């Protein structure tokens, strides 16, 4: 299984304070859940203990939305939540 990242997702990953490696790890190890429009979501919590947009947080949660293309996953977008 290969994991590819759509160009839209690459932009969003960096805008939202995540990395491509974190997005891939979320698919490999995260909680899998059904999402709208036939997509699949993956959720994974990362220890963060840092500052994001001027606020201190301890955890970064990524929600990665992907579609399956044959045996491969294509990441469509990534949402980062901090708490």
N, C-alpha and C. Protein backbone atom coordinates (compact mmCIF):
# COMPACT_ATOMS: atom_id res chain seq x y z
N UNK A 1 0.84 -1.17 0.00
CA UNK A 1 0.00 0.00 0.00
C UNK A 1 0.89 1.25 0.00
N UNK A 2 0.61 2.12 -0.95
CA UNK A 2 1.31 3.40 -1.01
C UNK A 2 0.35 4.50 -0.57
N UNK A 3 0.90 5.56 -0.04
CA UNK A 3 0.11 6.71 0.36
C UNK A 3 0.61 7.90 -0.43
N UNK A 4 -0.29 8.48 -1.23
CA UNK A 4 0.05 9.65 -2.04
C UNK A 4 -0.65 10.87 -1.46
N UNK A 5 -0.10 12.03 -1.72
CA UNK A 5 -0.67 13.28 -1.19
C UNK A 5 -1.04 14.18 -2.36
N UNK A 6 -2.32 14.50 -2.45
CA UNK A 6 -2.83 15.40 -3.49
C UNK A 6 -2.21 16.79 -3.28
N UNK A 7 -1.94 17.54 -4.36
CA UNK A 7 -1.35 18.88 -4.20
C UNK A 7 -2.15 19.80 -3.26
N UNK A 8 -3.48 19.71 -3.31
CA UNK A 8 -4.31 20.51 -2.39
C UNK A 8 -3.96 20.17 -0.95
N UNK A 9 -3.83 18.89 -0.65
CA UNK A 9 -3.52 18.46 0.71
C UNK A 9 -2.14 18.94 1.14
N UNK A 10 -1.17 18.94 0.22
CA UNK A 10 0.18 19.42 0.57
C UNK A 10 0.14 20.86 1.04
N UNK A 11 -0.65 21.69 0.35
CA UNK A 11 -0.78 23.09 0.77
C UNK A 11 -1.41 23.18 2.15
N UNK A 12 -2.49 22.45 2.36
CA UNK A 12 -3.21 22.53 3.63
C UNK A 12 -2.38 21.99 4.79
N UNK A 13 -1.61 20.95 4.55
CA UNK A 13 -0.78 20.36 5.60
C UNK A 13 0.13 21.44 6.20
N UNK A 14 0.80 22.17 5.34
CA UNK A 14 1.76 23.17 5.82
C UNK A 14 1.06 24.39 6.41
N UNK A 15 -0.07 24.80 5.83
CA UNK A 15 -0.82 25.93 6.36
C UNK A 15 -1.32 25.66 7.77
N UNK A 16 -1.59 24.40 8.07
CA UNK A 16 -2.23 24.04 9.33
C UNK A 16 -1.25 23.52 10.38
N UNK A 17 0.05 23.67 10.10
CA UNK A 17 1.06 23.35 11.10
C UNK A 17 1.41 21.89 11.23
N UNK A 18 1.13 21.11 10.21
CA UNK A 18 1.44 19.67 10.24
C UNK A 18 2.56 19.38 9.24
N UNK A 19 2.95 18.12 9.21
CA UNK A 19 3.95 17.69 8.22
C UNK A 19 3.38 16.54 7.40
N UNK A 20 3.98 16.31 6.26
CA UNK A 20 3.56 15.20 5.41
C UNK A 20 3.77 13.87 6.12
N UNK A 21 4.86 13.75 6.87
CA UNK A 21 5.13 12.51 7.62
C UNK A 21 4.04 12.26 8.67
N UNK A 22 3.57 13.32 9.33
CA UNK A 22 2.50 13.16 10.31
C UNK A 22 1.20 12.71 9.64
N UNK A 23 0.90 13.25 8.47
CA UNK A 23 -0.31 12.86 7.75
C UNK A 23 -0.26 11.39 7.36
N UNK A 24 0.90 10.95 6.91
CA UNK A 24 1.06 9.53 6.54
C UNK A 24 0.94 8.65 7.77
N UNK A 25 1.55 9.05 8.88
CA UNK A 25 1.46 8.28 10.11
C UNK A 25 0.03 8.18 10.60
N UNK A 26 -0.75 9.24 10.42
CA UNK A 26 -2.16 9.21 10.82
C UNK A 26 -2.92 8.13 10.06
N UNK A 27 -2.60 7.94 8.79
CA UNK A 27 -3.26 6.88 8.02
C UNK A 27 -2.77 5.51 8.48
N UNK A 28 -1.49 5.39 8.72
CA UNK A 28 -0.93 4.09 9.11
C UNK A 28 -1.35 3.65 10.50
N UNK A 29 -1.48 4.58 11.45
CA UNK A 29 -1.71 4.19 12.84
C UNK A 29 -2.98 4.77 13.46
N UNK A 30 -3.65 5.67 12.75
CA UNK A 30 -4.77 6.38 13.34
C UNK A 30 -6.07 5.60 13.34
N UNK A 31 -7.04 6.17 14.05
CA UNK A 31 -8.40 5.64 14.09
C UNK A 31 -9.06 5.92 12.75
N UNK A 32 -9.64 4.91 12.16
CA UNK A 32 -10.29 5.02 10.85
C UNK A 32 -11.79 5.23 11.05
N UNK A 33 -12.38 6.18 10.28
CA UNK A 33 -13.81 6.42 10.40
C UNK A 33 -14.38 6.82 9.04
N UNK A 34 -15.66 6.53 8.79
CA UNK A 34 -16.28 6.91 7.52
C UNK A 34 -16.49 8.43 7.47
N UNK A 35 -16.34 8.99 6.29
CA UNK A 35 -16.52 10.42 6.10
C UNK A 35 -17.46 10.66 4.92
N UNK A 36 -17.84 11.91 4.72
CA UNK A 36 -18.76 12.26 3.64
C UNK A 36 -18.16 11.98 2.26
N UNK A 37 -19.05 11.84 1.31
CA UNK A 37 -18.70 11.72 -0.11
C UNK A 37 -17.83 10.49 -0.41
N UNK A 38 -18.01 9.42 0.35
CA UNK A 38 -17.28 8.19 0.10
C UNK A 38 -15.83 8.22 0.52
N UNK A 39 -15.46 9.22 1.28
CA UNK A 39 -14.07 9.32 1.74
C UNK A 39 -13.92 8.60 3.07
N UNK A 40 -12.68 8.41 3.46
CA UNK A 40 -12.36 7.79 4.74
C UNK A 40 -11.53 8.77 5.54
N UNK A 41 -11.85 8.90 6.81
CA UNK A 41 -11.09 9.76 7.70
C UNK A 41 -10.20 8.94 8.60
N UNK A 42 -9.10 9.54 8.98
CA UNK A 42 -8.16 8.93 9.93
C UNK A 42 -7.82 9.99 10.96
N UNK A 43 -7.86 9.62 12.23
CA UNK A 43 -7.62 10.58 13.32
C UNK A 43 -6.47 10.05 14.18
N UNK A 44 -5.52 10.94 14.48
CA UNK A 44 -4.37 10.54 15.30
C UNK A 44 -3.90 11.72 16.13
N UNK A 45 -3.61 11.48 17.41
CA UNK A 45 -3.11 12.52 18.32
C UNK A 45 -1.60 12.44 18.44
N UNK A 46 -0.96 13.61 18.31
CA UNK A 46 0.49 13.72 18.46
C UNK A 46 0.79 14.57 19.68
N UNK A 47 1.79 14.20 20.48
CA UNK A 47 2.21 15.09 21.55
C UNK A 47 2.77 16.36 20.89
N UNK A 48 2.40 17.51 21.38
CA UNK A 48 2.81 18.76 20.74
C UNK A 48 3.64 19.64 21.67
N UNK A 49 3.09 20.01 22.79
CA UNK A 49 3.79 20.83 23.78
C UNK A 49 4.53 22.00 23.14
N UNK A 50 3.76 22.84 22.44
CA UNK A 50 4.34 24.00 21.78
C UNK A 50 3.33 25.10 21.60
N UNK A 51 3.69 26.07 20.78
CA UNK A 51 2.85 27.22 20.53
C UNK A 51 2.33 27.16 19.10
N UNK A 52 1.04 27.41 18.96
CA UNK A 52 0.43 27.52 17.63
C UNK A 52 -0.42 28.79 17.64
N UNK A 53 -0.08 29.71 16.75
CA UNK A 53 -0.79 30.99 16.64
C UNK A 53 -0.91 31.71 17.98
N UNK A 54 0.21 31.73 18.72
CA UNK A 54 0.28 32.48 19.95
C UNK A 54 -0.29 31.81 21.19
N UNK A 55 -0.79 30.60 21.07
CA UNK A 55 -1.36 29.87 22.21
C UNK A 55 -0.53 28.61 22.47
N UNK A 56 -0.45 28.23 23.74
CA UNK A 56 0.26 27.01 24.14
C UNK A 56 -0.68 25.82 24.10
N UNK A 57 -0.20 24.71 23.52
CA UNK A 57 -1.00 23.49 23.45
C UNK A 57 -0.12 22.29 23.78
N UNK A 58 -0.76 21.20 24.19
CA UNK A 58 -0.05 19.98 24.55
C UNK A 58 -0.25 18.87 23.53
N UNK A 59 -1.32 18.97 22.75
CA UNK A 59 -1.64 17.90 21.80
C UNK A 59 -2.04 18.49 20.46
N UNK A 60 -1.59 17.84 19.39
CA UNK A 60 -2.02 18.19 18.04
C UNK A 60 -2.74 16.96 17.48
N UNK A 61 -3.97 17.15 17.07
CA UNK A 61 -4.75 16.05 16.49
C UNK A 61 -4.90 16.30 15.00
N UNK A 62 -4.52 15.31 14.21
CA UNK A 62 -4.72 15.41 12.77
C UNK A 62 -5.91 14.57 12.36
N UNK A 63 -6.73 15.14 11.51
CA UNK A 63 -7.77 14.39 10.81
C UNK A 63 -7.38 14.43 9.35
N UNK A 64 -7.12 13.27 8.81
CA UNK A 64 -6.68 13.13 7.43
C UNK A 64 -7.83 12.49 6.66
N UNK A 65 -8.23 13.13 5.57
CA UNK A 65 -9.30 12.60 4.72
C UNK A 65 -8.69 12.10 3.42
N UNK A 66 -9.04 10.85 3.08
CA UNK A 66 -8.42 10.21 1.94
C UNK A 66 -9.43 9.38 1.16
N UNK A 67 -9.05 9.06 -0.08
CA UNK A 67 -9.83 8.14 -0.90
C UNK A 67 -8.91 7.00 -1.30
N UNK A 68 -9.51 5.86 -1.51
CA UNK A 68 -8.73 4.70 -1.90
C UNK A 68 -8.71 4.61 -3.41
N UNK A 69 -7.51 4.45 -3.97
CA UNK A 69 -7.30 4.30 -5.40
C UNK A 69 -6.60 2.96 -5.59
N UNK A 70 -7.40 1.95 -5.97
CA UNK A 70 -6.92 0.56 -6.00
C UNK A 70 -6.44 0.19 -4.60
N UNK A 71 -5.17 -0.14 -4.44
CA UNK A 71 -4.66 -0.51 -3.13
C UNK A 71 -4.00 0.66 -2.40
N UNK A 72 -3.98 1.83 -3.02
CA UNK A 72 -3.30 2.99 -2.47
C UNK A 72 -4.28 3.98 -1.87
N UNK A 73 -3.80 4.79 -0.95
CA UNK A 73 -4.57 5.89 -0.38
C UNK A 73 -4.08 7.19 -0.98
N UNK A 74 -5.01 8.09 -1.30
CA UNK A 74 -4.67 9.43 -1.76
C UNK A 74 -5.24 10.41 -0.73
N UNK A 75 -4.36 11.15 -0.08
CA UNK A 75 -4.77 12.12 0.92
C UNK A 75 -5.36 13.33 0.20
N UNK A 76 -6.60 13.68 0.56
CA UNK A 76 -7.31 14.79 -0.06
C UNK A 76 -7.11 16.08 0.73
N UNK A 77 -7.24 16.00 2.03
CA UNK A 77 -7.01 17.18 2.87
C UNK A 77 -6.67 16.75 4.29
N UNK A 78 -6.16 17.70 5.05
CA UNK A 78 -5.73 17.45 6.42
C UNK A 78 -6.23 18.61 7.29
N UNK A 79 -6.79 18.28 8.43
CA UNK A 79 -7.22 19.28 9.40
C UNK A 79 -6.44 19.05 10.69
N UNK A 80 -5.88 20.11 11.22
CA UNK A 80 -5.14 20.02 12.49
C UNK A 80 -5.93 20.73 13.57
N UNK A 81 -6.06 20.07 14.71
CA UNK A 81 -6.73 20.65 15.88
C UNK A 81 -5.73 20.63 17.03
N UNK A 82 -5.71 21.70 17.78
CA UNK A 82 -4.77 21.83 18.88
C UNK A 82 -5.53 21.95 20.18
N UNK A 83 -5.08 21.22 21.20
CA UNK A 83 -5.69 21.32 22.52
C UNK A 83 -4.71 20.91 23.59
